[in-house]
Amino acid sequence: MKQILGFDYLLTPKLMVFLYWLFMVLIVVSGVFAMIGGELLRGIVAIIFGLIGCRVMFELIMIAFKNNEYLRRIAENSDKAAQ
């Protein structure tokens, strides 16, 4: 509990994975509805570019959290080496 309250453990990356999959499903569903509505090409293009764009945006966000994780490891290793 202390890790969560002290921000030693980040919840946002776990939340981002859930949101990523939620948005992926919503993109596919909206593309399918567009195809059913008579806009076949627009639906296919929306699915393809929507999925790629969603992945890129979430990867850009996750880079910040991964950098934080790597910096924490570097700091821990440098503390061990200094002792």
N, C-alpha and C. Protein backbone atom coordinates (compact mmCIF):
# COMPACT_ATOMS: atom_id res chain seq x y z
N MET A 1 0.83 -1.19 0.00
CA MET A 1 0.00 0.00 0.00
C MET A 1 0.87 1.25 0.00
N LYS A 2 2.01 1.17 0.70
CA LYS A 2 2.91 2.32 0.76
C LYS A 2 3.45 2.66 -0.63
N GLN A 3 3.70 1.64 -1.45
CA GLN A 3 4.22 1.89 -2.80
C GLN A 3 3.22 2.69 -3.63
N ILE A 4 1.94 2.35 -3.52
CA ILE A 4 0.92 3.04 -4.31
C ILE A 4 0.73 4.47 -3.81
N LEU A 5 0.66 4.63 -2.49
CA LEU A 5 0.45 5.96 -1.93
C LEU A 5 1.67 6.86 -2.08
N GLY A 6 2.84 6.26 -2.15
CA GLY A 6 4.08 7.04 -2.28
C GLY A 6 4.54 7.20 -3.71
N PHE A 7 3.77 6.80 -4.66
CA PHE A 7 4.09 6.90 -6.09
C PHE A 7 5.33 6.10 -6.48
N ASP A 8 5.64 5.05 -5.70
CA ASP A 8 6.73 4.16 -6.10
C ASP A 8 6.26 3.21 -7.19
N TYR A 9 4.98 2.96 -7.22
CA TYR A 9 4.38 2.08 -8.23
C TYR A 9 3.39 2.92 -9.03
N LEU A 10 3.52 2.90 -10.34
CA LEU A 10 2.67 3.72 -11.20
C LEU A 10 1.49 2.90 -11.72
N LEU A 11 0.30 3.41 -11.51
CA LEU A 11 -0.91 2.74 -11.99
C LEU A 11 -1.25 3.09 -13.43
N THR A 12 -0.81 4.25 -13.87
CA THR A 12 -1.19 4.74 -15.19
C THR A 12 -0.76 3.80 -16.33
N PRO A 13 0.44 3.21 -16.31
CA PRO A 13 0.76 2.28 -17.42
C PRO A 13 -0.21 1.11 -17.52
N LYS A 14 -0.68 0.60 -16.39
CA LYS A 14 -1.67 -0.49 -16.43
C LYS A 14 -2.99 0.02 -17.00
N LEU A 15 -3.37 1.23 -16.61
CA LEU A 15 -4.59 1.83 -17.13
C LEU A 15 -4.46 2.09 -18.63
N MET A 16 -3.28 2.47 -19.07
CA MET A 16 -3.06 2.75 -20.50
C MET A 16 -3.25 1.50 -21.34
N VAL A 17 -2.85 0.34 -20.83
CA VAL A 17 -3.05 -0.91 -21.58
C VAL A 17 -4.54 -1.18 -21.75
N PHE A 18 -5.30 -0.99 -20.69
CA PHE A 18 -6.75 -1.18 -20.78
C PHE A 18 -7.37 -0.21 -21.78
N LEU A 19 -6.99 1.06 -21.69
CA LEU A 19 -7.54 2.07 -22.61
C LEU A 19 -7.13 1.79 -24.05
N TYR A 20 -5.91 1.31 -24.24
CA TYR A 20 -5.44 0.97 -25.59
C TYR A 20 -6.37 -0.07 -26.22
N TRP A 21 -6.64 -1.15 -25.50
CA TRP A 21 -7.49 -2.20 -26.06
C TRP A 21 -8.92 -1.72 -26.23
N LEU A 22 -9.40 -0.88 -25.33
CA LEU A 22 -10.74 -0.33 -25.46
C LEU A 22 -10.85 0.51 -26.73
N PHE A 23 -9.89 1.39 -26.98
CA PHE A 23 -9.92 2.22 -28.18
C PHE A 23 -9.75 1.39 -29.45
N MET A 24 -8.95 0.34 -29.39
CA MET A 24 -8.79 -0.52 -30.57
C MET A 24 -10.13 -1.17 -30.94
N VAL A 25 -10.84 -1.65 -29.94
CA VAL A 25 -12.14 -2.27 -30.19
C VAL A 25 -13.12 -1.23 -30.73
N LEU A 26 -13.12 -0.03 -30.15
CA LEU A 26 -14.02 1.02 -30.62
C LEU A 26 -13.72 1.43 -32.05
N ILE A 27 -12.45 1.47 -32.43
CA ILE A 27 -12.08 1.82 -33.80
C ILE A 27 -12.60 0.77 -34.78
N VAL A 28 -12.42 -0.50 -34.44
CA VAL A 28 -12.88 -1.57 -35.33
C VAL A 28 -14.40 -1.55 -35.43
N VAL A 29 -15.09 -1.37 -34.30
CA VAL A 29 -16.55 -1.36 -34.32
C VAL A 29 -17.07 -0.18 -35.14
N SER A 30 -16.47 0.99 -34.98
CA SER A 30 -16.93 2.14 -35.76
C SER A 30 -16.64 1.95 -37.25
N GLY A 31 -15.52 1.33 -37.57
CA GLY A 31 -15.22 1.04 -38.97
C GLY A 31 -16.21 0.05 -39.57
N VAL A 32 -16.58 -0.95 -38.80
CA VAL A 32 -17.56 -1.94 -39.27
C VAL A 32 -18.92 -1.28 -39.48
N PHE A 33 -19.31 -0.39 -38.54
CA PHE A 33 -20.58 0.32 -38.72
C PHE A 33 -20.55 1.20 -39.96
N ALA A 34 -19.41 1.81 -40.25
CA ALA A 34 -19.30 2.63 -41.46
C ALA A 34 -19.44 1.75 -42.70
N MET A 35 -18.84 0.56 -42.67
CA MET A 35 -18.95 -0.35 -43.81
C MET A 35 -20.38 -0.84 -43.99
N ILE A 36 -21.05 -1.12 -42.88
CA ILE A 36 -22.45 -1.55 -42.96
C ILE A 36 -23.33 -0.42 -43.49
N GLY A 37 -22.98 0.81 -43.14
CA GLY A 37 -23.75 1.96 -43.58
C GLY A 37 -23.53 2.33 -45.03
N GLY A 38 -22.76 1.55 -45.76
CA GLY A 38 -22.59 1.78 -47.19
C GLY A 38 -21.29 2.47 -47.55
N GLU A 39 -20.46 2.78 -46.59
CA GLU A 39 -19.19 3.45 -46.85
C GLU A 39 -18.07 2.43 -46.67
N LEU A 40 -17.99 1.48 -47.57
CA LEU A 40 -17.05 0.36 -47.44
C LEU A 40 -15.61 0.84 -47.41
N LEU A 41 -15.21 1.63 -48.39
CA LEU A 41 -13.82 2.09 -48.46
C LEU A 41 -13.47 2.97 -47.27
N ARG A 42 -14.38 3.86 -46.90
CA ARG A 42 -14.12 4.74 -45.76
C ARG A 42 -13.97 3.94 -44.47
N GLY A 43 -14.76 2.90 -44.30
CA GLY A 43 -14.67 2.04 -43.12
C GLY A 43 -13.35 1.31 -43.05
N ILE A 44 -12.90 0.77 -44.18
CA ILE A 44 -11.63 0.05 -44.21
C ILE A 44 -10.47 0.99 -43.93
N VAL A 45 -10.48 2.15 -44.56
CA VAL A 45 -9.41 3.13 -44.34
C VAL A 45 -9.42 3.62 -42.89
N ALA A 46 -10.60 3.84 -42.33
CA ALA A 46 -10.70 4.29 -40.94
C ALA A 46 -10.15 3.24 -39.98
N ILE A 47 -10.42 1.98 -40.26
CA ILE A 47 -9.90 0.92 -39.39
C ILE A 47 -8.38 0.87 -39.48
N ILE A 48 -7.84 0.87 -40.68
CA ILE A 48 -6.39 0.76 -40.86
C ILE A 48 -5.66 1.95 -40.23
N PHE A 49 -6.04 3.15 -40.63
CA PHE A 49 -5.34 4.33 -40.12
C PHE A 49 -5.67 4.60 -38.65
N GLY A 50 -6.87 4.25 -38.23
CA GLY A 50 -7.24 4.41 -36.83
C GLY A 50 -6.42 3.52 -35.93
N LEU A 51 -6.25 2.25 -36.32
CA LEU A 51 -5.47 1.31 -35.52
C LEU A 51 -4.00 1.73 -35.47
N ILE A 52 -3.46 2.15 -36.60
CA ILE A 52 -2.05 2.58 -36.63
C ILE A 52 -1.88 3.85 -35.81
N GLY A 53 -2.76 4.81 -35.98
CA GLY A 53 -2.66 6.07 -35.23
C GLY A 53 -2.81 5.86 -33.73
N CYS A 54 -3.73 4.99 -33.35
CA CYS A 54 -3.94 4.69 -31.94
C CYS A 54 -2.68 4.06 -31.34
N ARG A 55 -2.09 3.13 -32.06
CA ARG A 55 -0.88 2.46 -31.57
C ARG A 55 0.26 3.46 -31.41
N VAL A 56 0.44 4.32 -32.37
CA VAL A 56 1.52 5.31 -32.31
C VAL A 56 1.31 6.26 -31.13
N MET A 57 0.11 6.74 -30.94
CA MET A 57 -0.17 7.66 -29.84
C MET A 57 0.09 7.01 -28.48
N PHE A 58 -0.36 5.78 -28.31
CA PHE A 58 -0.14 5.11 -27.04
C PHE A 58 1.34 4.77 -26.83
N GLU A 59 2.06 4.44 -27.89
CA GLU A 59 3.49 4.20 -27.75
C GLU A 59 4.21 5.47 -27.32
N LEU A 60 3.83 6.61 -27.87
CA LEU A 60 4.46 7.87 -27.48
C LEU A 60 4.22 8.18 -26.00
N ILE A 61 3.02 7.89 -25.53
CA ILE A 61 2.72 8.11 -24.12
C ILE A 61 3.51 7.14 -23.24
N MET A 62 3.58 5.89 -23.66
CA MET A 62 4.27 4.88 -22.85
C MET A 62 5.77 5.10 -22.80
N ILE A 63 6.34 5.79 -23.76
CA ILE A 63 7.77 6.08 -23.74
C ILE A 63 8.13 6.86 -22.47
N ALA A 64 7.29 7.79 -22.08
CA ALA A 64 7.57 8.57 -20.87
C ALA A 64 7.62 7.66 -19.64
N PHE A 65 6.72 6.71 -19.55
CA PHE A 65 6.71 5.82 -18.40
C PHE A 65 7.88 4.84 -18.44
N LYS A 66 8.25 4.37 -19.62
CA LYS A 66 9.40 3.49 -19.73
C LYS A 66 10.69 4.23 -19.37
N ASN A 67 10.81 5.49 -19.80
CA ASN A 67 11.98 6.28 -19.44
C ASN A 67 12.09 6.42 -17.92
N ASN A 68 10.96 6.63 -17.27
CA ASN A 68 10.95 6.73 -15.81
C ASN A 68 11.43 5.43 -15.18
N GLU A 69 10.96 4.31 -15.70
CA GLU A 69 11.36 3.00 -15.19
C GLU A 69 12.86 2.76 -15.38
N TYR A 70 13.38 3.10 -16.55
CA TYR A 70 14.81 2.90 -16.81
C TYR A 70 15.66 3.82 -15.96
N LEU A 71 15.23 5.05 -15.76
CA LEU A 71 15.97 5.97 -14.90
C LEU A 71 15.98 5.48 -13.45
N ARG A 72 14.89 4.91 -13.01
CA ARG A 72 14.84 4.34 -11.65
C ARG A 72 15.83 3.19 -11.51
N ARG A 73 15.91 2.33 -12.52
CA ARG A 73 16.87 1.21 -12.48
C ARG A 73 18.30 1.73 -12.47
N ILE A 74 18.58 2.73 -13.27
CA ILE A 74 19.92 3.31 -13.30
C ILE A 74 20.28 3.88 -11.93
N ALA A 75 19.34 4.59 -11.32
CA ALA A 75 19.59 5.17 -10.00
C ALA A 75 19.81 4.09 -8.95
N GLU A 76 19.03 3.02 -9.00
CA GLU A 76 19.20 1.92 -8.05
C GLU A 76 20.56 1.25 -8.24
N ASN A 77 20.97 1.04 -9.49
CA ASN A 77 22.26 0.40 -9.77
C ASN A 77 23.42 1.31 -9.36
N SER A 78 23.28 2.61 -9.55
CA SER A 78 24.35 3.51 -9.16
C SER A 78 24.45 3.61 -7.64
N ASP A 79 23.32 3.48 -6.94
CA ASP A 79 23.35 3.47 -5.47
C ASP A 79 24.05 2.21 -4.97
N LYS A 80 23.79 1.08 -5.61
CA LYS A 80 24.45 -0.18 -5.22
C LYS A 80 25.95 -0.12 -5.50
N ALA A 81 26.31 0.50 -6.62
CA ALA A 81 27.73 0.59 -6.97
C ALA A 81 28.47 1.54 -6.04
N ALA A 82 27.80 2.56 -5.54
CA ALA A 82 28.44 3.53 -4.64
C ALA A 82 28.67 2.94 -3.26
N GLN A 83 27.91 1.94 -2.90
CA GLN A 83 28.07 1.34 -1.56
C GLN A 83 29.18 0.39 -1.62
